[in-house]
Amino acid sequence: MDALCAKDGTHDKMMEEMKSMGRDKNTCAVKCAQLGAKYVLYDAAKKEIYGLDEQDKAEAFAGKRVRVTGTLQKNKIKIEGITGLD
């Protein structure tokens, strides 16, 4: 997810308020990143947001369900790998 939408836990609000953000999670996340938002991991079960150290690795998975492996340092993950779940 992107940091802008992660605050609400969903892309729905952003896509509703700004039609230019697209109609799907992937497009919304990419467009938010183009506006300067960082890619983050949003844990819906815990409602937690984790920063990601390597944005280029996260970009390919924008708006998708993923499993991230790595090392948690405070509230940021040093990415070792990302795999899609969908």
N, C-alpha and C. Protein backbone atom coordinates (compact mmCIF):
# COMPACT_ATOMS: atom_id res chain seq x y z
N MET A 1 0.86 -1.17 0.00
CA MET A 1 0.00 0.00 0.00
C MET A 1 0.91 1.24 0.00
N ASP A 2 0.31 2.38 -0.22
CA ASP A 2 1.06 3.63 -0.12
C ASP A 2 0.75 4.30 1.22
N ALA A 3 1.64 5.16 1.66
CA ALA A 3 1.50 5.79 2.98
C ALA A 3 0.25 6.67 3.09
N LEU A 4 -0.18 7.30 2.01
CA LEU A 4 -1.37 8.15 2.07
C LEU A 4 -2.63 7.34 2.36
N CYS A 5 -2.82 6.25 1.64
CA CYS A 5 -4.01 5.42 1.81
C CYS A 5 -3.93 4.56 3.07
N ALA A 6 -2.73 4.21 3.48
CA ALA A 6 -2.56 3.36 4.66
C ALA A 6 -3.11 4.03 5.92
N LYS A 7 -3.10 5.35 5.96
CA LYS A 7 -3.64 6.07 7.12
C LYS A 7 -5.11 5.71 7.35
N ASP A 8 -5.84 5.47 6.26
CA ASP A 8 -7.26 5.09 6.34
C ASP A 8 -7.45 3.58 6.30
N GLY A 9 -6.39 2.85 5.98
CA GLY A 9 -6.48 1.40 5.89
C GLY A 9 -7.14 0.90 4.62
N THR A 10 -7.35 1.80 3.65
CA THR A 10 -8.02 1.42 2.42
C THR A 10 -7.73 2.45 1.32
N HIS A 11 -7.83 2.01 0.09
CA HIS A 11 -7.70 2.91 -1.05
C HIS A 11 -9.05 3.54 -1.41
N ASP A 12 -10.13 2.99 -0.89
CA ASP A 12 -11.48 3.39 -1.27
C ASP A 12 -11.74 4.89 -1.11
N LYS A 13 -11.34 5.44 0.02
CA LYS A 13 -11.59 6.86 0.28
C LYS A 13 -10.87 7.73 -0.75
N MET A 14 -9.61 7.43 -1.01
CA MET A 14 -8.83 8.21 -1.98
C MET A 14 -9.44 8.10 -3.37
N MET A 15 -9.80 6.88 -3.78
CA MET A 15 -10.37 6.69 -5.12
C MET A 15 -11.73 7.38 -5.26
N GLU A 16 -12.50 7.46 -4.19
CA GLU A 16 -13.79 8.12 -4.22
C GLU A 16 -13.64 9.65 -4.30
N GLU A 17 -12.72 10.19 -3.51
CA GLU A 17 -12.54 11.64 -3.46
C GLU A 17 -11.81 12.19 -4.68
N MET A 18 -10.92 11.39 -5.25
CA MET A 18 -10.12 11.85 -6.39
C MET A 18 -10.23 10.82 -7.51
N LYS A 19 -11.11 11.06 -8.45
CA LYS A 19 -11.36 10.11 -9.53
C LYS A 19 -10.11 9.83 -10.36
N SER A 20 -9.15 10.75 -10.38
CA SER A 20 -7.93 10.57 -11.16
C SER A 20 -7.00 9.51 -10.57
N MET A 21 -7.32 9.00 -9.38
CA MET A 21 -6.46 8.00 -8.73
C MET A 21 -6.74 6.59 -9.24
N GLY A 22 -7.66 6.45 -10.14
CA GLY A 22 -7.97 5.13 -10.70
C GLY A 22 -9.11 4.46 -9.96
N ARG A 23 -9.40 3.25 -10.39
CA ARG A 23 -10.51 2.49 -9.81
C ARG A 23 -10.06 1.17 -9.21
N ASP A 24 -8.73 0.97 -9.08
CA ASP A 24 -8.24 -0.26 -8.46
C ASP A 24 -7.07 0.07 -7.53
N LYS A 25 -6.77 -0.82 -6.61
CA LYS A 25 -5.76 -0.59 -5.59
C LYS A 25 -4.37 -0.35 -6.18
N ASN A 26 -4.02 -1.10 -7.20
CA ASN A 26 -2.70 -0.96 -7.80
C ASN A 26 -2.52 0.42 -8.40
N THR A 27 -3.46 0.86 -9.20
CA THR A 27 -3.37 2.18 -9.84
C THR A 27 -3.32 3.28 -8.79
N CYS A 28 -4.15 3.18 -7.78
CA CYS A 28 -4.19 4.18 -6.73
C CYS A 28 -2.84 4.26 -6.02
N ALA A 29 -2.26 3.12 -5.65
CA ALA A 29 -0.98 3.11 -4.96
C ALA A 29 0.13 3.71 -5.82
N VAL A 30 0.15 3.38 -7.10
CA VAL A 30 1.17 3.92 -8.01
C VAL A 30 1.01 5.43 -8.15
N LYS A 31 -0.23 5.89 -8.31
CA LYS A 31 -0.47 7.33 -8.47
C LYS A 31 -0.11 8.08 -7.19
N CYS A 32 -0.41 7.51 -6.03
CA CYS A 32 -0.03 8.15 -4.77
C CYS A 32 1.50 8.23 -4.65
N ALA A 33 2.19 7.18 -5.08
CA ALA A 33 3.65 7.20 -5.06
C ALA A 33 4.20 8.26 -6.00
N GLN A 34 3.55 8.46 -7.15
CA GLN A 34 3.97 9.51 -8.07
C GLN A 34 3.80 10.89 -7.46
N LEU A 35 2.86 11.01 -6.52
CA LEU A 35 2.65 12.27 -5.82
C LEU A 35 3.62 12.45 -4.65
N GLY A 36 4.45 11.42 -4.39
CA GLY A 36 5.45 11.53 -3.33
C GLY A 36 5.25 10.61 -2.15
N ALA A 37 4.15 9.86 -2.12
CA ALA A 37 3.92 8.93 -1.01
C ALA A 37 4.90 7.76 -1.11
N LYS A 38 5.29 7.22 0.00
CA LYS A 38 6.17 6.05 0.05
C LYS A 38 5.32 4.79 0.08
N TYR A 39 5.88 3.71 -0.46
CA TYR A 39 5.23 2.41 -0.34
C TYR A 39 5.46 1.90 1.08
N VAL A 40 4.42 1.31 1.65
CA VAL A 40 4.47 0.77 3.01
C VAL A 40 3.80 -0.60 3.03
N LEU A 41 4.03 -1.33 4.10
CA LEU A 41 3.30 -2.58 4.35
C LEU A 41 2.22 -2.24 5.36
N TYR A 42 0.97 -2.51 5.01
CA TYR A 42 -0.14 -2.27 5.92
C TYR A 42 -0.66 -3.62 6.39
N ASP A 43 -0.59 -3.85 7.69
CA ASP A 43 -1.09 -5.08 8.30
C ASP A 43 -2.53 -4.82 8.73
N ALA A 44 -3.49 -5.29 7.94
CA ALA A 44 -4.90 -5.02 8.21
C ALA A 44 -5.37 -5.63 9.52
N ALA A 45 -4.83 -6.79 9.89
CA ALA A 45 -5.25 -7.45 11.13
C ALA A 45 -4.87 -6.62 12.36
N LYS A 46 -3.69 -6.03 12.32
CA LYS A 46 -3.20 -5.24 13.45
C LYS A 46 -3.41 -3.74 13.25
N LYS A 47 -3.83 -3.36 12.03
CA LYS A 47 -3.97 -1.95 11.67
C LYS A 47 -2.67 -1.19 11.91
N GLU A 48 -1.56 -1.83 11.51
CA GLU A 48 -0.22 -1.26 11.67
C GLU A 48 0.37 -0.92 10.31
N ILE A 49 1.16 0.13 10.26
CA ILE A 49 1.85 0.55 9.05
C ILE A 49 3.35 0.41 9.27
N TYR A 50 4.01 -0.26 8.33
CA TYR A 50 5.46 -0.46 8.41
C TYR A 50 6.12 0.17 7.19
N GLY A 51 7.11 1.02 7.41
CA GLY A 51 7.88 1.58 6.32
C GLY A 51 8.72 0.49 5.66
N LEU A 52 9.08 0.70 4.41
CA LEU A 52 9.89 -0.26 3.66
C LEU A 52 11.16 0.44 3.19
N ASP A 53 12.32 -0.20 3.40
CA ASP A 53 13.58 0.47 3.08
C ASP A 53 13.87 0.56 1.59
N GLU A 54 13.47 -0.41 0.81
CA GLU A 54 13.77 -0.41 -0.62
C GLU A 54 12.50 -0.25 -1.43
N GLN A 55 12.22 0.99 -1.79
CA GLN A 55 10.99 1.32 -2.49
C GLN A 55 10.90 0.64 -3.85
N ASP A 56 12.02 0.45 -4.53
CA ASP A 56 11.99 -0.17 -5.85
C ASP A 56 11.53 -1.63 -5.78
N LYS A 57 11.84 -2.33 -4.71
CA LYS A 57 11.37 -3.71 -4.56
C LYS A 57 9.86 -3.74 -4.32
N ALA A 58 9.36 -2.76 -3.59
CA ALA A 58 7.93 -2.72 -3.25
C ALA A 58 7.06 -2.27 -4.42
N GLU A 59 7.61 -1.48 -5.31
CA GLU A 59 6.83 -0.90 -6.40
C GLU A 59 6.10 -1.93 -7.26
N ALA A 60 6.73 -3.05 -7.54
CA ALA A 60 6.12 -4.09 -8.38
C ALA A 60 4.88 -4.72 -7.72
N PHE A 61 4.73 -4.53 -6.40
CA PHE A 61 3.63 -5.14 -5.67
C PHE A 61 2.62 -4.10 -5.17
N ALA A 62 2.65 -2.91 -5.73
CA ALA A 62 1.78 -1.82 -5.29
C ALA A 62 0.32 -2.24 -5.29
N GLY A 63 -0.35 -2.06 -4.15
CA GLY A 63 -1.77 -2.34 -4.04
C GLY A 63 -2.14 -3.81 -3.96
N LYS A 64 -1.16 -4.69 -3.81
CA LYS A 64 -1.42 -6.13 -3.78
C LYS A 64 -1.16 -6.70 -2.38
N ARG A 65 -1.76 -7.85 -2.11
CA ARG A 65 -1.48 -8.57 -0.86
C ARG A 65 -0.14 -9.27 -1.02
N VAL A 66 0.73 -9.11 -0.02
CA VAL A 66 2.09 -9.65 -0.10
C VAL A 66 2.53 -10.24 1.23
N ARG A 67 3.61 -10.99 1.15
CA ARG A 67 4.33 -11.44 2.34
C ARG A 67 5.73 -10.84 2.20
N VAL A 68 6.13 -10.07 3.21
CA VAL A 68 7.44 -9.45 3.21
C VAL A 68 8.31 -10.16 4.23
N THR A 69 9.51 -10.54 3.80
CA THR A 69 10.48 -11.09 4.74
C THR A 69 11.60 -10.08 4.89
N GLY A 70 12.15 -10.01 6.09
CA GLY A 70 13.22 -9.07 6.35
C GLY A 70 13.39 -8.85 7.83
N THR A 71 14.03 -7.75 8.15
CA THR A 71 14.33 -7.42 9.53
C THR A 71 13.59 -6.15 9.92
N LEU A 72 12.84 -6.23 11.02
CA LEU A 72 12.10 -5.08 11.52
C LEU A 72 13.03 -4.24 12.40
N GLN A 73 13.19 -2.99 12.02
CA GLN A 73 14.00 -2.04 12.78
C GLN A 73 13.12 -0.87 13.14
N LYS A 74 12.70 -0.82 14.40
CA LYS A 74 11.70 0.13 14.87
C LYS A 74 10.41 -0.12 14.10
N ASN A 75 9.98 0.79 13.24
CA ASN A 75 8.73 0.58 12.50
C ASN A 75 9.01 0.52 10.99
N LYS A 76 10.23 0.10 10.63
CA LYS A 76 10.63 0.01 9.24
C LYS A 76 11.21 -1.37 8.97
N ILE A 77 10.88 -1.93 7.82
CA ILE A 77 11.36 -3.26 7.46
C ILE A 77 12.49 -3.16 6.45
N LYS A 78 13.61 -3.79 6.79
CA LYS A 78 14.72 -3.94 5.84
C LYS A 78 14.37 -5.18 5.03
N ILE A 79 13.99 -4.98 3.78
CA ILE A 79 13.44 -6.04 2.94
C ILE A 79 14.50 -7.04 2.50
N GLU A 80 14.18 -8.32 2.71
CA GLU A 80 14.98 -9.40 2.14
C GLU A 80 14.26 -9.96 0.92
N GLY A 81 12.91 -9.99 0.98
CA GLY A 81 12.13 -10.51 -0.13
C GLY A 81 10.66 -10.14 0.00
N ILE A 82 10.00 -10.11 -1.15
CA ILE A 82 8.56 -9.87 -1.20
C ILE A 82 7.95 -10.90 -2.16
N THR A 83 6.87 -11.53 -1.73
CA THR A 83 6.14 -12.46 -2.60
C THR A 83 4.67 -12.08 -2.58
N GLY A 84 4.04 -12.18 -3.74
CA GLY A 84 2.61 -11.88 -3.85
C GLY A 84 1.76 -12.99 -3.30
N LEU A 85 0.61 -12.65 -2.73
CA LEU A 85 -0.32 -13.64 -2.18
C LEU A 85 -1.57 -13.80 -3.02
N ASP A 86 -1.82 -12.92 -3.94
CA ASP A 86 -3.04 -12.99 -4.76
C ASP A 86 -2.80 -13.77 -6.03
